[in-house]
């Protein structure tokens, strides 16, 4: 891989993160807007993360984890159904 080529996470990881955030947000009866308010993020940003459209930063990942009262690891682990 060329050092100048942008790196992106796998679709599997993006999908896992999106699914976990949506599942945990819904379990806490939070709208995307309310979660965004708690995190100090824009509602459209939270929506795009839940749709798997964003490669979020570690700082945003930590903020979302804290707002959902889980660890960053919990957001990245596949959900065992």
PDB file of N, CA and C in Angstrom:
ATOM      1  N   UNK A   1       0.847  -1.184   0.000  1.00  0.00           N
ATOM      2  CA  UNK A   1       0.000   0.000   0.000  1.00  0.00           C
ATOM      3  C   UNK A   1       0.883   1.234   0.000  1.00  0.00           C
ATOM      4  N   UNK A   2       0.539   2.154  -0.814  1.00  0.00           N
ATOM      5  CA  UNK A   2       1.267   3.413  -0.912  1.00  0.00           C
ATOM      6  C   UNK A   2       1.049   4.247   0.347  1.00  0.00           C
ATOM      7  N   UNK A   3       2.118   4.875   0.888  1.00  0.00           N
ATOM      8  CA  UNK A   3       1.955   5.699   2.088  1.00  0.00           C
ATOM      9  C   UNK A   3       1.033   6.900   1.880  1.00  0.00           C
ATOM     10  N   UNK A   4       0.840   7.302   0.631  1.00  0.00           N
ATOM     11  CA  UNK A   4      -0.015   8.459   0.369  1.00  0.00           C
ATOM     12  C   UNK A   4      -1.483   8.069   0.215  1.00  0.00           C
ATOM     13  N   UNK A   5      -1.763   6.776   0.089  1.00  0.00           N
ATOM     14  CA  UNK A   5      -3.133   6.318  -0.059  1.00  0.00           C
ATOM     15  C   UNK A   5      -3.840   6.362   1.307  1.00  0.00           C
ATOM     16  N   UNK A   6      -5.044   6.921   1.334  1.00  0.00           N
ATOM     17  CA  UNK A   6      -5.798   6.987   2.584  1.00  0.00           C
ATOM     18  C   UNK A   6      -6.202   5.588   3.025  1.00  0.00           C
ATOM     19  N   UNK A   7      -6.124   5.364   4.307  1.00  0.00           N
ATOM     20  CA  UNK A   7      -6.522   4.078   4.866  1.00  0.00           C
ATOM     21  C   UNK A   7      -7.923   4.200   5.424  1.00  0.00           C
ATOM     22  N   UNK A   8      -8.692   3.165   5.242  1.00  0.00           N
ATOM     23  CA  UNK A   8     -10.048   3.139   5.781  1.00  0.00           C
ATOM     24  C   UNK A   8     -10.270   1.810   6.492  1.00  0.00           C
ATOM     25  N   UNK A   9     -11.114   1.801   7.535  1.00  0.00           N
ATOM     26  CA  UNK A   9     -11.410   0.553   8.225  1.00  0.00           C
ATOM     27  C   UNK A   9     -12.250  -0.361   7.330  1.00  0.00           C
ATOM     28  N   UNK A  10     -12.280  -1.629   7.670  1.00  0.00           N
ATOM     29  CA  UNK A  10     -13.062  -2.582   6.891  1.00  0.00           C
ATOM     30  C   UNK A  10     -14.552  -2.297   7.037  1.00  0.00           C
ATOM     31  N   UNK A  11     -15.305  -2.685   6.043  1.00  0.00           N
ATOM     32  CA  UNK A  11     -16.759  -2.518   6.099  1.00  0.00           C
ATOM     33  C   UNK A  11     -17.354  -3.317   7.263  1.00  0.00           C
ATOM     34  N   UNK A  12     -16.733  -4.422   7.596  1.00  0.00           N
ATOM     35  CA  UNK A  12     -17.190  -5.227   8.726  1.00  0.00           C
ATOM     36  C   UNK A  12     -17.084  -4.429  10.023  1.00  0.00           C
ATOM     37  N   UNK A  13     -15.958  -3.773  10.247  1.00  0.00           N
ATOM     38  CA  UNK A  13     -15.758  -2.984  11.459  1.00  0.00           C
ATOM     39  C   UNK A  13     -16.687  -1.769  11.487  1.00  0.00           C
ATOM     40  N   UNK A  14     -16.831  -1.110  10.364  1.00  0.00           N
ATOM     41  CA  UNK A  14     -17.734   0.042  10.270  1.00  0.00           C
ATOM     42  C   UNK A  14     -19.168  -0.398  10.574  1.00  0.00           C
ATOM     43  N   UNK A  15     -19.567  -1.522  10.002  1.00  0.00           N
ATOM     44  CA  UNK A  15     -20.916  -2.042  10.227  1.00  0.00           C
ATOM     45  C   UNK A  15     -21.148  -2.451  11.675  1.00  0.00           C
ATOM     46  N   UNK A  16     -20.145  -3.059  12.280  1.00  0.00           N
ATOM     47  CA  UNK A  16     -20.245  -3.458  13.686  1.00  0.00           C
ATOM     48  C   UNK A  16     -20.416  -2.239  14.576  1.00  0.00           C
ATOM     49  N   UNK A  17     -19.604  -1.225  14.357  1.00  0.00           N
ATOM     50  CA  UNK A  17     -19.698   0.011  15.138  1.00  0.00           C
ATOM     51  C   UNK A  17     -21.077   0.640  14.956  1.00  0.00           C
ATOM     52  N   UNK A  18     -21.530   0.754  13.732  1.00  0.00           N
ATOM     53  CA  UNK A  18     -22.826   1.363  13.450  1.00  0.00           C
ATOM     54  C   UNK A  18     -23.950   0.598  14.144  1.00  0.00           C
ATOM     55  N   UNK A  19     -23.937  -0.710  14.029  1.00  0.00           N
ATOM     56  CA  UNK A  19     -24.968  -1.549  14.640  1.00  0.00           C
ATOM     57  C   UNK A  19     -24.963  -1.411  16.164  1.00  0.00           C
ATOM     58  N   UNK A  20     -23.778  -1.428  16.753  1.00  0.00           N
ATOM     59  CA  UNK A  20     -23.688  -1.330  18.212  1.00  0.00           C
ATOM     60  C   UNK A  20     -24.172   0.017  18.725  1.00  0.00           C
ATOM     61  N   UNK A  21     -23.801   1.086  18.065  1.00  0.00           N
ATOM     62  CA  UNK A  21     -24.256   2.407  18.503  1.00  0.00           C
ATOM     63  C   UNK A  21     -25.775   2.499  18.407  1.00  0.00           C
ATOM     64  N   UNK A  22     -26.330   2.052  17.289  1.00  0.00           N
ATOM     65  CA  UNK A  22     -27.786   2.100  17.095  1.00  0.00           C
ATOM     66  C   UNK A  22     -28.507   1.237  18.143  1.00  0.00           C
ATOM     67  N   UNK A  23     -28.005   0.025  18.366  1.00  0.00           N
ATOM     68  CA  UNK A  23     -28.622  -0.887  19.332  1.00  0.00           C
ATOM     69  C   UNK A  23     -28.583  -0.310  20.742  1.00  0.00           C
ATOM     70  N   UNK A  24     -27.426   0.183  21.145  1.00  0.00           N
ATOM     71  CA  UNK A  24     -27.281   0.739  22.496  1.00  0.00           C
ATOM     72  C   UNK A  24     -28.082   2.023  22.675  1.00  0.00           C
ATOM     73  N   UNK A  25     -28.110   2.855  21.644  1.00  0.00           N
ATOM     74  CA  UNK A  25     -28.896   4.096  21.711  1.00  0.00           C
ATOM     75  C   UNK A  25     -30.368   3.767  21.868  1.00  0.00           C
ATOM     76  N   UNK A  26     -30.865   2.832  21.075  1.00  0.00           N
ATOM     77  CA  UNK A  26     -32.275   2.445  21.157  1.00  0.00           C
ATOM     78  C   UNK A  26     -32.601   1.798  22.499  1.00  0.00           C
ATOM     79  N   UNK A  27     -31.686   0.998  23.026  1.00  0.00           N
ATOM     80  CA  UNK A  27     -31.904   0.343  24.325  1.00  0.00           C
ATOM     81  C   UNK A  27     -32.032   1.374  25.444  1.00  0.00           C
ATOM     82  N   UNK A  28     -31.445   2.542  25.249  1.00  0.00           N
ATOM     83  CA  UNK A  28     -31.496   3.610  26.255  1.00  0.00           C
ATOM     84  C   UNK A  28     -32.578   4.641  25.929  1.00  0.00           C
ATOM     85  N   UNK A  29     -33.395   4.307  24.925  1.00  0.00           N
ATOM     86  CA  UNK A  29     -34.492   5.192  24.497  1.00  0.00           C
ATOM     87  C   UNK A  29     -34.010   6.603  24.170  1.00  0.00           C
ATOM     88  N   UNK A  30     -32.882   6.669  23.471  1.00  0.00           N
ATOM     89  CA  UNK A  30     -32.335   7.952  23.054  1.00  0.00           C
ATOM     90  C   UNK A  30     -32.543   8.135  21.553  1.00  0.00           C
ATOM     91  N   UNK A  31     -32.949   9.307  21.162  1.00  0.00           N
ATOM     92  CA  UNK A  31     -32.985   9.634  19.738  1.00  0.00           C
ATOM     93  C   UNK A  31     -31.552   9.954  19.301  1.00  0.00           C
ATOM     94  N   UNK A  32     -31.341   9.982  18.000  1.00  0.00           N
ATOM     95  CA  UNK A  32     -30.026  10.395  17.506  1.00  0.00           C
ATOM     96  C   UNK A  32     -29.736  11.817  17.961  1.00  0.00           C
ATOM     97  N   UNK A  33     -30.747  12.652  17.942  1.00  0.00           N
ATOM     98  CA  UNK A  33     -30.564  14.046  18.351  1.00  0.00           C
ATOM     99  C   UNK A  33     -30.163  14.153  19.823  1.00  0.00           C
ATOM    100  N   UNK A  34     -30.815  13.375  20.689  1.00  0.00           N
ATOM    101  CA  UNK A  34     -30.496  13.419  22.119  1.00  0.00           C
ATOM    102  C   UNK A  34     -29.079  12.890  22.362  1.00  0.00           C
ATOM    103  N   UNK A  35     -28.711  11.786  21.707  1.00  0.00           N
ATOM    104  CA  UNK A  35     -27.350  11.256  21.851  1.00  0.00           C
ATOM    105  C   UNK A  35     -26.341  12.293  21.373  1.00  0.00           C
ATOM    106  N   UNK A  36     -26.612  12.923  20.260  1.00  0.00           N
ATOM    107  CA  UNK A  36     -25.716  13.957  19.741  1.00  0.00           C
ATOM    108  C   UNK A  36     -25.567  15.099  20.741  1.00  0.00           C
ATOM    109  N   UNK A  37     -26.676  15.509  21.345  1.00  0.00           N
ATOM    110  CA  UNK A  37     -26.628  16.583  22.351  1.00  0.00           C
ATOM    111  C   UNK A  37     -25.756  16.187  23.539  1.00  0.00           C
ATOM    112  N   UNK A  38     -25.922  14.973  24.022  1.00  0.00           N
ATOM    113  CA  UNK A  38     -25.137  14.479  25.157  1.00  0.00           C
ATOM    114  C   UNK A  38     -23.647  14.491  24.815  1.00  0.00           C
ATOM    115  N   UNK A  39     -23.336  14.130  23.575  1.00  0.00           N
ATOM    116  CA  UNK A  39     -21.940  14.021  23.130  1.00  0.00           C
ATOM    117  C   UNK A  39     -21.338  15.346  22.673  1.00  0.00           C
ATOM    118  N   UNK A  40     -22.183  16.335  22.420  1.00  0.00           N
ATOM    119  CA  UNK A  40     -21.676  17.580  21.852  1.00  0.00           C
ATOM    120  C   UNK A  40     -21.338  17.426  20.375  1.00  0.00           C
ATOM    121  N   UNK A  41     -22.045  16.515  19.705  1.00  0.00           N
ATOM    122  CA  UNK A  41     -21.850  16.270  18.277  1.00  0.00           C
ATOM    123  C   UNK A  41     -23.109  16.709  17.531  1.00  0.00           C
ATOM    124  N   UNK A  42     -23.003  16.835  16.227  1.00  0.00           N
ATOM    125  CA  UNK A  42     -24.165  17.200  15.418  1.00  0.00           C
ATOM    126  C   UNK A  42     -25.005  15.957  15.156  1.00  0.00           C
ATOM    127  N   UNK A  43     -26.313  16.135  15.120  1.00  0.00           N
ATOM    128  CA  UNK A  43     -27.237  15.018  14.886  1.00  0.00           C
ATOM    129  C   UNK A  43     -26.951  14.298  13.576  1.00  0.00           C
ATOM    130  N   UNK A  44     -26.644  15.047  12.532  1.00  0.00           N
ATOM    131  CA  UNK A  44     -26.367  14.408  11.239  1.00  0.00           C
ATOM    132  C   UNK A  44     -25.085  13.583  11.291  1.00  0.00           C
ATOM    133  N   UNK A  45     -24.144  13.986  12.133  1.00  0.00           N
ATOM    134  CA  UNK A  45     -22.908  13.222  12.300  1.00  0.00           C
ATOM    135  C   UNK A  45     -23.220  11.875  12.939  1.00  0.00           C
ATOM    136  N   UNK A  46     -24.015  11.883  14.011  1.00  0.00           N
ATOM    137  CA  UNK A  46     -24.387  10.628  14.674  1.00  0.00           C
ATOM    138  C   UNK A  46     -25.139   9.730  13.695  1.00  0.00           C
ATOM    139  N   UNK A  47     -26.039  10.305  12.926  1.00  0.00           N
ATOM    140  CA  UNK A  47     -26.776   9.528  11.922  1.00  0.00           C
ATOM    141  C   UNK A  47     -25.865   8.912  10.886  1.00  0.00           C
ATOM    142  N   UNK A  48     -24.878   9.656  10.433  1.00  0.00           N
ATOM    143  CA  UNK A  48     -23.970   9.124   9.417  1.00  0.00           C
ATOM    144  C   UNK A  48     -23.060   8.036   9.996  1.00  0.00           C
ATOM    145  N   UNK A  49     -22.725   8.138  11.273  1.00  0.00           N
ATOM    146  CA  UNK A  49     -21.953   7.067  11.927  1.00  0.00           C
ATOM    147  C   UNK A  49     -22.814   5.814  12.002  1.00  0.00           C
ATOM    148  N   UNK A  50     -24.074   5.955  12.383  1.00  0.00           N
ATOM    149  CA  UNK A  50     -24.984   4.811  12.472  1.00  0.00           C
ATOM    150  C   UNK A  50     -25.261   4.176  11.114  1.00  0.00           C
ATOM    151  N   UNK A  51     -25.126   4.923  10.061  1.00  0.00           N
ATOM    152  CA  UNK A  51     -25.317   4.379   8.712  1.00  0.00           C
ATOM    153  C   UNK A  51     -24.011   3.833   8.128  1.00  0.00           C
ATOM    154  N   UNK A  52     -22.932   3.951   8.880  1.00  0.00           N
ATOM    155  CA  UNK A  52     -21.648   3.445   8.414  1.00  0.00           C
ATOM    156  C   UNK A  52     -21.011   4.315   7.350  1.00  0.00           C
ATOM    157  N   UNK A  53     -21.334   5.587   7.338  1.00  0.00           N
ATOM    158  CA  UNK A  53     -20.816   6.506   6.324  1.00  0.00           C
ATOM    159  C   UNK A  53     -19.584   7.272   6.784  1.00  0.00           C
ATOM    160  N   UNK A  54     -19.217   7.131   8.043  1.00  0.00           N
ATOM    161  CA  UNK A  54     -18.104   7.908   8.606  1.00  0.00           C
ATOM    162  C   UNK A  54     -16.993   7.014   9.113  1.00  0.00           C
ATOM    163  N   UNK A  55     -15.780   7.484   8.948  1.00  0.00           N
ATOM    164  CA  UNK A  55     -14.602   6.907   9.584  1.00  0.00           C
ATOM    165  C   UNK A  55     -14.315   7.838  10.755  1.00  0.00           C
ATOM    166  N   UNK A  56     -14.860   7.512  11.936  1.00  0.00           N
ATOM    167  CA  UNK A  56     -14.810   8.451  13.055  1.00  0.00           C
ATOM    168  C   UNK A  56     -13.455   8.434  13.743  1.00  0.00           C
ATOM    169  N   UNK A  57     -13.179   9.518  14.448  1.00  0.00           N
ATOM    170  CA  UNK A  57     -11.915   9.635  15.184  1.00  0.00           C
ATOM    171  C   UNK A  57     -12.008   8.874  16.501  1.00  0.00           C
ATOM    172  N   UNK A  58     -10.853   8.605  17.077  1.00  0.00           N
ATOM    173  CA  UNK A  58     -10.818   7.950  18.381  1.00  0.00           C
ATOM    174  C   UNK A  58     -11.494   8.809  19.438  1.00  0.00           C
ATOM    175  N   UNK A  59     -11.334  10.110  19.358  1.00  0.00           N
ATOM    176  CA  UNK A  59     -11.958  10.986  20.354  1.00  0.00           C
ATOM    177  C   UNK A  59     -13.481  10.909  20.263  1.00  0.00           C
ATOM    178  N   UNK A  60     -14.040  10.865  19.064  1.00  0.00           N
ATOM    179  CA  UNK A  60     -15.491  10.723  18.916  1.00  0.00           C
ATOM    180  C   UNK A  60     -15.953   9.357  19.395  1.00  0.00           C
ATOM    181  N   UNK A  61     -15.155   8.346  19.137  1.00  0.00           N
ATOM    182  CA  UNK A  61     -15.467   6.996  19.610  1.00  0.00           C
ATOM    183  C   UNK A  61     -15.538   6.964  21.136  1.00  0.00           C
ATOM    184  N   UNK A  62     -14.585   7.616  21.785  1.00  0.00           N
ATOM    185  CA  UNK A  62     -14.581   7.682  23.251  1.00  0.00           C
ATOM    186  C   UNK A  62     -15.792   8.454  23.783  1.00  0.00           C
ATOM    187  N   UNK A  63     -16.133   9.543  23.133  1.00  0.00           N
ATOM    188  CA  UNK A  63     -17.283  10.352  23.550  1.00  0.00           C
ATOM    189  C   UNK A  63     -18.572   9.547  23.448  1.00  0.00           C
ATOM    190  N   UNK A  64     -18.743   8.837  22.333  1.00  0.00           N
ATOM    191  CA  UNK A  64     -19.946   8.023  22.146  1.00  0.00           C
ATOM    192  C   UNK A  64     -20.004   6.893  23.175  1.00  0.00           C
ATOM    193  N   UNK A  65     -18.878   6.248  23.418  1.00  0.00           N
ATOM    194  CA  UNK A  65     -18.836   5.156  24.400  1.00  0.00           C
ATOM    195  C   UNK A  65     -19.225   5.668  25.787  1.00  0.00           C
ATOM    196  N   UNK A  66     -18.685   6.799  26.159  1.00  0.00           N
ATOM    197  CA  UNK A  66     -19.000   7.373  27.476  1.00  0.00           C
ATOM    198  C   UNK A  66     -20.477   7.723  27.575  1.00  0.00           C
ATOM    199  N   UNK A  67     -21.031   8.317  26.540  1.00  0.00           N
ATOM    200  CA  UNK A  67     -22.443   8.697  26.544  1.00  0.00           C
ATOM    201  C   UNK A  67     -23.359   7.475  26.628  1.00  0.00           C
ATOM    202  N   UNK A  68     -22.918   6.362  26.050  1.00  0.00           N
ATOM    203  CA  UNK A  68     -23.713   5.136  26.069  1.00  0.00           C
ATOM    204  C   UNK A  68     -23.360   4.239  27.259  1.00  0.00           C
ATOM    205  N   UNK A  69     -22.418   4.693  28.087  1.00  0.00           N
ATOM    206  CA  UNK A  69     -22.006   3.993  29.299  1.00  0.00           C
ATOM    207  C   UNK A  69     -21.452   2.597  29.001  1.00  0.00           C
ATOM    208  N   UNK A  70     -20.608   2.533  27.977  1.00  0.00           N
ATOM    209  CA  UNK A  70     -19.918   1.288  27.612  1.00  0.00           C
ATOM    210  C   UNK A  70     -18.467   1.627  27.310  1.00  0.00           C
ATOM    211  N   UNK A  71     -17.654   0.615  27.131  1.00  0.00           N
ATOM    212  CA  UNK A  71     -16.263   0.841  26.754  1.00  0.00           C
ATOM    213  C   UNK A  71     -16.155   0.983  25.233  1.00  0.00           C
ATOM    214  N   UNK A  72     -15.059   1.545  24.803  1.00  0.00           N
ATOM    215  CA  UNK A  72     -14.781   1.633  23.365  1.00  0.00           C
ATOM    216  C   UNK A  72     -14.745   0.225  22.774  1.00  0.00           C
ATOM    217  N   UNK A  73     -14.167  -0.701  23.503  1.00  0.00           N
ATOM    218  CA  UNK A  73     -14.108  -2.101  23.049  1.00  0.00           C
ATOM    219  C   UNK A  73     -15.517  -2.633  22.787  1.00  0.00           C
ATOM    220  N   UNK A  74     -16.462  -2.309  23.686  1.00  0.00           N
ATOM    221  CA  UNK A  74     -17.842  -2.775  23.507  1.00  0.00           C
ATOM    222  C   UNK A  74     -18.454  -2.254  22.211  1.00  0.00           C
ATOM    223  N   UNK A  75     -18.089  -1.061  21.805  1.00  0.00           N
ATOM    224  CA  UNK A  75     -18.614  -0.508  20.554  1.00  0.00           C
ATOM    225  C   UNK A  75     -18.031  -1.198  19.332  1.00  0.00           C
ATOM    226  N   UNK A  76     -16.838  -1.765  19.488  1.00  0.00           N
ATOM    227  CA  UNK A  76     -16.157  -2.373  18.340  1.00  0.00           C
ATOM    228  C   UNK A  76     -16.305  -3.889  18.253  1.00  0.00           C
ATOM    229  N   UNK A  77     -16.829  -4.490  19.320  1.00  0.00           N
ATOM    230  CA  UNK A  77     -17.002  -5.954  19.332  1.00  0.00           C
ATOM    231  C   UNK A  77     -18.260  -6.348  18.571  1.00  0.00           C
ATOM    232  N   UNK A  78     -18.147  -7.399  17.756  1.00  0.00           N
ATOM    233  CA  UNK A  78     -19.372  -7.913  17.106  1.00  0.00           C
ATOM    234  C   UNK A  78     -20.369  -8.356  18.166  1.00  0.00           C
ATOM    235  N   UNK A  79     -21.631  -8.077  17.927  1.00  0.00           N
ATOM    236  CA  UNK A  79     -22.703  -8.445  18.853  1.00  0.00           C
ATOM    237  C   UNK A  79     -22.958  -9.937  18.762  1.00  0.00           C
ATOM    238  N   UNK A  80     -22.820 -10.628  19.861  1.00  0.00           N
ATOM    239  CA  UNK A  80     -23.095 -12.069  19.891  1.00  0.00           C
ATOM    240  C   UNK A  80     -24.573 -12.254  20.195  1.00  0.00           C
ATOM    241  N   UNK A  81     -25.307 -12.663  19.189  1.00  0.00           N
ATOM    242  CA  UNK A  81     -26.781 -12.770  19.334  1.00  0.00           C
ATOM    243  C   UNK A  81     -27.172 -14.078  19.929  1.00  0.00           C
TER     244      UNK A  81
END
